């Protein structure tokens, strides 16, 4: 396990804490609203990026539509950035961070 992954494990919230308590209408779900503004091909790419981010943050328990994005804090995003930079190519990590910023 890399140092960055260790950081993410240390601050990783329990999946129940980041999971949406109740399903939101798509018009209120931040990921769905963001994705709906994109072209079909971009939508697929960014959905995969958001799903990966949600999975990393919750140990595989949530995806883009079941994560409560409003509960993310600086500690989560800083640790996530470190993991992404170690695990993925720079362009891929930047695309994932871009998707996270837009949500």
N, C-alpha and C. Protein backbone atom coordinates (compact mmCIF):
# COMPACT_ATOMS: atom_id res chain seq x y z
N UNK A 1 0.85 -1.18 0.00
CA UNK A 1 0.00 0.00 0.00
C UNK A 1 0.89 1.23 0.00
N UNK A 2 0.60 2.16 -0.89
CA UNK A 2 1.40 3.38 -0.98
C UNK A 2 1.03 4.32 0.16
N UNK A 3 1.86 5.33 0.33
CA UNK A 3 1.61 6.32 1.38
C UNK A 3 0.30 7.06 1.15
N UNK A 4 0.04 7.41 -0.11
CA UNK A 4 -1.20 8.12 -0.44
C UNK A 4 -2.43 7.27 -0.16
N UNK A 5 -2.36 5.98 -0.51
CA UNK A 5 -3.49 5.11 -0.22
C UNK A 5 -3.70 4.98 1.28
N UNK A 6 -2.59 4.96 2.04
CA UNK A 6 -2.69 4.92 3.50
C UNK A 6 -3.39 6.15 4.03
N UNK A 7 -3.08 7.33 3.45
CA UNK A 7 -3.74 8.57 3.86
C UNK A 7 -5.24 8.48 3.60
N UNK A 8 -5.59 7.95 2.44
CA UNK A 8 -7.01 7.84 2.11
C UNK A 8 -7.71 6.90 3.08
N UNK A 9 -7.07 5.79 3.42
CA UNK A 9 -7.66 4.85 4.38
C UNK A 9 -7.87 5.51 5.73
N UNK A 10 -6.89 6.35 6.15
CA UNK A 10 -6.99 7.01 7.45
C UNK A 10 -8.19 7.94 7.55
N UNK A 11 -8.47 8.65 6.48
CA UNK A 11 -9.56 9.63 6.56
C UNK A 11 -10.82 9.14 5.86
N UNK A 12 -10.75 7.95 5.27
CA UNK A 12 -11.90 7.41 4.55
C UNK A 12 -13.09 7.33 5.50
N UNK A 13 -14.13 7.98 5.12
CA UNK A 13 -15.34 7.94 5.93
C UNK A 13 -15.99 6.58 5.76
N UNK A 14 -16.75 6.21 6.74
CA UNK A 14 -17.52 4.99 6.59
C UNK A 14 -18.49 5.17 5.44
N UNK A 15 -18.67 4.15 4.62
CA UNK A 15 -19.58 4.29 3.47
C UNK A 15 -20.95 4.83 3.86
N UNK A 16 -21.43 4.45 5.03
CA UNK A 16 -22.74 4.92 5.47
C UNK A 16 -22.75 6.43 5.67
N UNK A 17 -21.59 7.02 6.02
CA UNK A 17 -21.52 8.45 6.26
C UNK A 17 -21.56 9.24 4.95
N UNK A 18 -20.99 8.69 3.89
CA UNK A 18 -20.98 9.39 2.61
C UNK A 18 -22.12 8.98 1.69
N UNK A 19 -22.78 7.90 2.01
CA UNK A 19 -23.89 7.45 1.17
C UNK A 19 -25.09 8.37 1.37
N UNK A 20 -25.81 8.62 0.30
CA UNK A 20 -27.03 9.42 0.39
C UNK A 20 -28.05 8.67 1.25
N UNK A 21 -28.64 9.37 2.20
CA UNK A 21 -29.59 8.74 3.13
C UNK A 21 -30.83 8.25 2.40
N UNK A 22 -31.32 9.07 1.50
CA UNK A 22 -32.48 8.69 0.70
C UNK A 22 -32.19 9.03 -0.75
N UNK A 23 -32.75 8.28 -1.67
CA UNK A 23 -32.51 8.61 -3.08
C UNK A 23 -33.03 10.01 -3.42
N UNK A 24 -32.22 10.76 -4.14
CA UNK A 24 -32.61 12.11 -4.54
C UNK A 24 -33.19 12.09 -5.94
N UNK A 25 -34.12 12.98 -6.21
CA UNK A 25 -34.56 13.12 -7.60
C UNK A 25 -33.35 13.52 -8.46
N UNK A 26 -33.32 13.07 -9.69
CA UNK A 26 -32.16 13.36 -10.55
C UNK A 26 -31.94 14.85 -10.73
N UNK A 27 -32.98 15.64 -10.61
CA UNK A 27 -32.82 17.09 -10.77
C UNK A 27 -32.08 17.73 -9.60
N UNK A 28 -31.96 16.99 -8.49
CA UNK A 28 -31.26 17.51 -7.31
C UNK A 28 -29.95 16.79 -7.04
N UNK A 29 -29.69 15.70 -7.74
CA UNK A 29 -28.47 14.92 -7.53
C UNK A 29 -27.33 15.61 -8.28
N UNK A 30 -26.30 16.12 -7.56
CA UNK A 30 -25.24 16.91 -8.22
C UNK A 30 -24.56 16.21 -9.39
N UNK A 31 -24.26 14.94 -9.25
CA UNK A 31 -23.59 14.22 -10.34
C UNK A 31 -24.50 14.12 -11.57
N UNK A 32 -25.77 13.85 -11.35
CA UNK A 32 -26.71 13.72 -12.47
C UNK A 32 -26.89 15.06 -13.18
N UNK A 33 -26.97 16.14 -12.41
CA UNK A 33 -27.12 17.47 -13.02
C UNK A 33 -25.89 17.80 -13.85
N UNK A 34 -24.70 17.56 -13.31
CA UNK A 34 -23.47 17.81 -14.05
C UNK A 34 -23.41 16.97 -15.32
N UNK A 35 -23.67 15.68 -15.21
CA UNK A 35 -23.57 14.80 -16.37
C UNK A 35 -24.59 15.15 -17.45
N UNK A 36 -25.75 15.63 -17.06
CA UNK A 36 -26.79 15.96 -18.04
C UNK A 36 -26.38 17.13 -18.94
N UNK A 37 -25.43 17.93 -18.51
CA UNK A 37 -24.98 19.07 -19.28
C UNK A 37 -23.94 18.71 -20.34
N UNK A 38 -23.45 17.47 -20.30
CA UNK A 38 -22.37 17.06 -21.18
C UNK A 38 -22.88 16.36 -22.43
N UNK A 39 -22.04 16.32 -23.45
CA UNK A 39 -22.33 15.56 -24.66
C UNK A 39 -22.29 14.07 -24.31
N UNK A 40 -22.99 13.22 -25.06
CA UNK A 40 -23.06 11.79 -24.72
C UNK A 40 -21.71 11.11 -24.49
N UNK A 41 -20.74 11.37 -25.34
CA UNK A 41 -19.44 10.72 -25.18
C UNK A 41 -18.73 11.22 -23.92
N UNK A 42 -18.78 12.51 -23.68
CA UNK A 42 -18.18 13.08 -22.47
C UNK A 42 -18.91 12.58 -21.23
N UNK A 43 -20.21 12.43 -21.35
CA UNK A 43 -21.03 11.96 -20.23
C UNK A 43 -20.54 10.59 -19.75
N UNK A 44 -20.27 9.69 -20.68
CA UNK A 44 -19.81 8.35 -20.34
C UNK A 44 -18.45 8.41 -19.64
N UNK A 45 -17.55 9.22 -20.18
CA UNK A 45 -16.20 9.36 -19.61
C UNK A 45 -16.25 9.93 -18.20
N UNK A 46 -17.01 10.99 -18.03
CA UNK A 46 -17.07 11.63 -16.71
C UNK A 46 -17.87 10.81 -15.70
N UNK A 47 -18.85 10.05 -16.18
CA UNK A 47 -19.57 9.16 -15.27
C UNK A 47 -18.61 8.11 -14.72
N UNK A 48 -17.75 7.56 -15.58
CA UNK A 48 -16.76 6.59 -15.13
C UNK A 48 -15.80 7.23 -14.13
N UNK A 49 -15.39 8.47 -14.39
CA UNK A 49 -14.50 9.17 -13.48
C UNK A 49 -15.15 9.37 -12.11
N UNK A 50 -16.41 9.82 -12.11
CA UNK A 50 -17.11 10.04 -10.84
C UNK A 50 -17.37 8.73 -10.11
N UNK A 51 -17.67 7.68 -10.84
CA UNK A 51 -17.85 6.37 -10.21
C UNK A 51 -16.56 5.90 -9.55
N UNK A 52 -15.43 6.12 -10.21
CA UNK A 52 -14.13 5.75 -9.64
C UNK A 52 -13.83 6.54 -8.37
N UNK A 53 -14.10 7.83 -8.42
CA UNK A 53 -13.88 8.69 -7.25
C UNK A 53 -14.75 8.22 -6.09
N UNK A 54 -16.02 8.00 -6.34
CA UNK A 54 -16.94 7.55 -5.28
C UNK A 54 -16.50 6.22 -4.71
N UNK A 55 -16.07 5.32 -5.58
CA UNK A 55 -15.61 4.01 -5.14
C UNK A 55 -14.37 4.11 -4.26
N UNK A 56 -13.41 4.94 -4.67
CA UNK A 56 -12.20 5.13 -3.86
C UNK A 56 -12.52 5.71 -2.49
N UNK A 57 -13.43 6.65 -2.45
CA UNK A 57 -13.76 7.30 -1.18
C UNK A 57 -14.52 6.41 -0.21
N UNK A 58 -15.23 5.42 -0.74
CA UNK A 58 -16.08 4.60 0.13
C UNK A 58 -15.70 3.13 0.13
N UNK A 59 -14.54 2.82 -0.37
CA UNK A 59 -14.11 1.42 -0.40
C UNK A 59 -14.99 0.57 -1.29
N UNK A 60 -15.49 1.14 -2.38
CA UNK A 60 -16.30 0.38 -3.33
C UNK A 60 -17.77 0.28 -2.99
N UNK A 61 -18.22 1.00 -1.98
CA UNK A 61 -19.62 0.89 -1.54
C UNK A 61 -20.59 1.83 -2.26
N UNK A 62 -20.08 2.92 -2.81
CA UNK A 62 -20.95 3.91 -3.47
C UNK A 62 -20.48 4.16 -4.89
N UNK A 63 -21.42 4.62 -5.71
CA UNK A 63 -21.06 5.10 -7.04
C UNK A 63 -21.46 6.59 -7.12
N UNK A 64 -21.37 7.15 -8.30
CA UNK A 64 -21.62 8.59 -8.45
C UNK A 64 -23.03 8.99 -8.04
N UNK A 65 -24.00 8.11 -8.22
CA UNK A 65 -25.39 8.46 -7.92
C UNK A 65 -25.81 8.15 -6.48
N UNK A 66 -25.01 7.39 -5.77
CA UNK A 66 -25.38 7.06 -4.39
C UNK A 66 -24.51 7.77 -3.35
N UNK A 67 -23.48 8.48 -3.79
CA UNK A 67 -22.63 9.23 -2.88
C UNK A 67 -23.27 10.59 -2.61
N UNK A 68 -23.26 11.01 -1.36
CA UNK A 68 -23.73 12.35 -1.01
C UNK A 68 -22.54 13.29 -1.13
N UNK A 69 -22.41 13.94 -2.28
CA UNK A 69 -21.25 14.77 -2.59
C UNK A 69 -21.10 15.93 -1.62
N UNK A 70 -22.19 16.36 -1.00
CA UNK A 70 -22.11 17.51 -0.09
C UNK A 70 -21.38 17.17 1.21
N UNK A 71 -21.17 15.90 1.49
CA UNK A 71 -20.49 15.51 2.73
C UNK A 71 -18.97 15.42 2.58
N UNK A 72 -18.47 15.61 1.36
CA UNK A 72 -17.01 15.58 1.17
C UNK A 72 -16.39 16.82 1.77
N UNK A 73 -15.25 16.64 2.40
CA UNK A 73 -14.51 17.74 3.02
C UNK A 73 -13.12 17.81 2.41
N UNK A 74 -12.40 18.85 2.76
CA UNK A 74 -11.06 19.07 2.24
C UNK A 74 -10.17 17.84 2.45
N UNK A 75 -10.25 17.24 3.63
CA UNK A 75 -9.41 16.08 3.94
C UNK A 75 -9.64 14.95 2.93
N UNK A 76 -10.90 14.74 2.56
CA UNK A 76 -11.23 13.70 1.59
C UNK A 76 -10.61 14.00 0.23
N UNK A 77 -10.81 15.23 -0.23
CA UNK A 77 -10.35 15.57 -1.57
C UNK A 77 -8.83 15.64 -1.65
N UNK A 78 -8.16 16.11 -0.59
CA UNK A 78 -6.70 16.17 -0.60
C UNK A 78 -6.10 14.76 -0.64
N UNK A 79 -6.63 13.87 0.16
CA UNK A 79 -6.14 12.48 0.16
C UNK A 79 -6.46 11.81 -1.18
N UNK A 80 -7.64 12.06 -1.69
CA UNK A 80 -8.03 11.49 -2.98
C UNK A 80 -7.08 11.95 -4.08
N UNK A 81 -6.72 13.22 -4.09
CA UNK A 81 -5.80 13.75 -5.09
C UNK A 81 -4.46 13.00 -5.04
N UNK A 82 -3.96 12.76 -3.85
CA UNK A 82 -2.70 12.04 -3.71
C UNK A 82 -2.79 10.64 -4.28
N UNK A 83 -3.88 9.95 -3.98
CA UNK A 83 -4.07 8.59 -4.48
C UNK A 83 -4.18 8.59 -6.01
N UNK A 84 -4.95 9.51 -6.55
CA UNK A 84 -5.12 9.57 -8.00
C UNK A 84 -3.80 9.84 -8.70
N UNK A 85 -2.99 10.72 -8.15
CA UNK A 85 -1.71 11.04 -8.78
C UNK A 85 -0.75 9.85 -8.77
N UNK A 86 -0.85 9.00 -7.76
CA UNK A 86 0.01 7.81 -7.70
C UNK A 86 -0.53 6.67 -8.55
N UNK A 87 -1.84 6.56 -8.61
CA UNK A 87 -2.47 5.39 -9.22
C UNK A 87 -2.70 5.52 -10.73
N UNK A 88 -2.89 6.74 -11.21
CA UNK A 88 -3.27 6.96 -12.61
C UNK A 88 -2.26 7.85 -13.32
N UNK A 89 -2.33 7.81 -14.64
CA UNK A 89 -1.54 8.74 -15.46
C UNK A 89 -2.01 10.16 -15.16
N UNK A 90 -1.13 11.15 -15.32
CA UNK A 90 -1.51 12.53 -14.99
C UNK A 90 -2.78 13.00 -15.69
N UNK A 91 -2.95 12.70 -16.96
CA UNK A 91 -4.15 13.16 -17.68
C UNK A 91 -5.41 12.52 -17.10
N UNK A 92 -5.33 11.26 -16.74
CA UNK A 92 -6.49 10.57 -16.16
C UNK A 92 -6.82 11.14 -14.79
N UNK A 93 -5.79 11.33 -13.96
CA UNK A 93 -6.02 11.89 -12.62
C UNK A 93 -6.61 13.29 -12.73
N UNK A 94 -6.12 14.10 -13.64
CA UNK A 94 -6.65 15.46 -13.81
C UNK A 94 -8.09 15.44 -14.30
N UNK A 95 -8.43 14.51 -15.18
CA UNK A 95 -9.81 14.38 -15.65
C UNK A 95 -10.74 14.03 -14.48
N UNK A 96 -10.29 13.12 -13.62
CA UNK A 96 -11.10 12.73 -12.46
C UNK A 96 -11.27 13.89 -11.49
N UNK A 97 -10.21 14.64 -11.28
CA UNK A 97 -10.29 15.80 -10.40
C UNK A 97 -11.19 16.88 -10.99
N UNK A 98 -11.15 17.04 -12.30
CA UNK A 98 -12.03 17.99 -12.97
C UNK A 98 -13.50 17.60 -12.75
N UNK A 99 -13.80 16.34 -12.92
CA UNK A 99 -15.17 15.85 -12.70
C UNK A 99 -15.59 16.12 -11.26
N UNK A 100 -14.70 15.86 -10.32
CA UNK A 100 -15.01 16.11 -8.90
C UNK A 100 -15.28 17.59 -8.65
N UNK A 101 -14.48 18.46 -9.23
CA UNK A 101 -14.69 19.90 -9.05
C UNK A 101 -16.03 20.35 -9.60
N UNK A 102 -16.44 19.79 -10.70
CA UNK A 102 -17.69 20.21 -11.34
C UNK A 102 -18.92 19.74 -10.56
N UNK A 103 -18.77 18.69 -9.78
CA UNK A 103 -19.89 18.21 -8.98
C UNK A 103 -19.95 19.02 -7.71
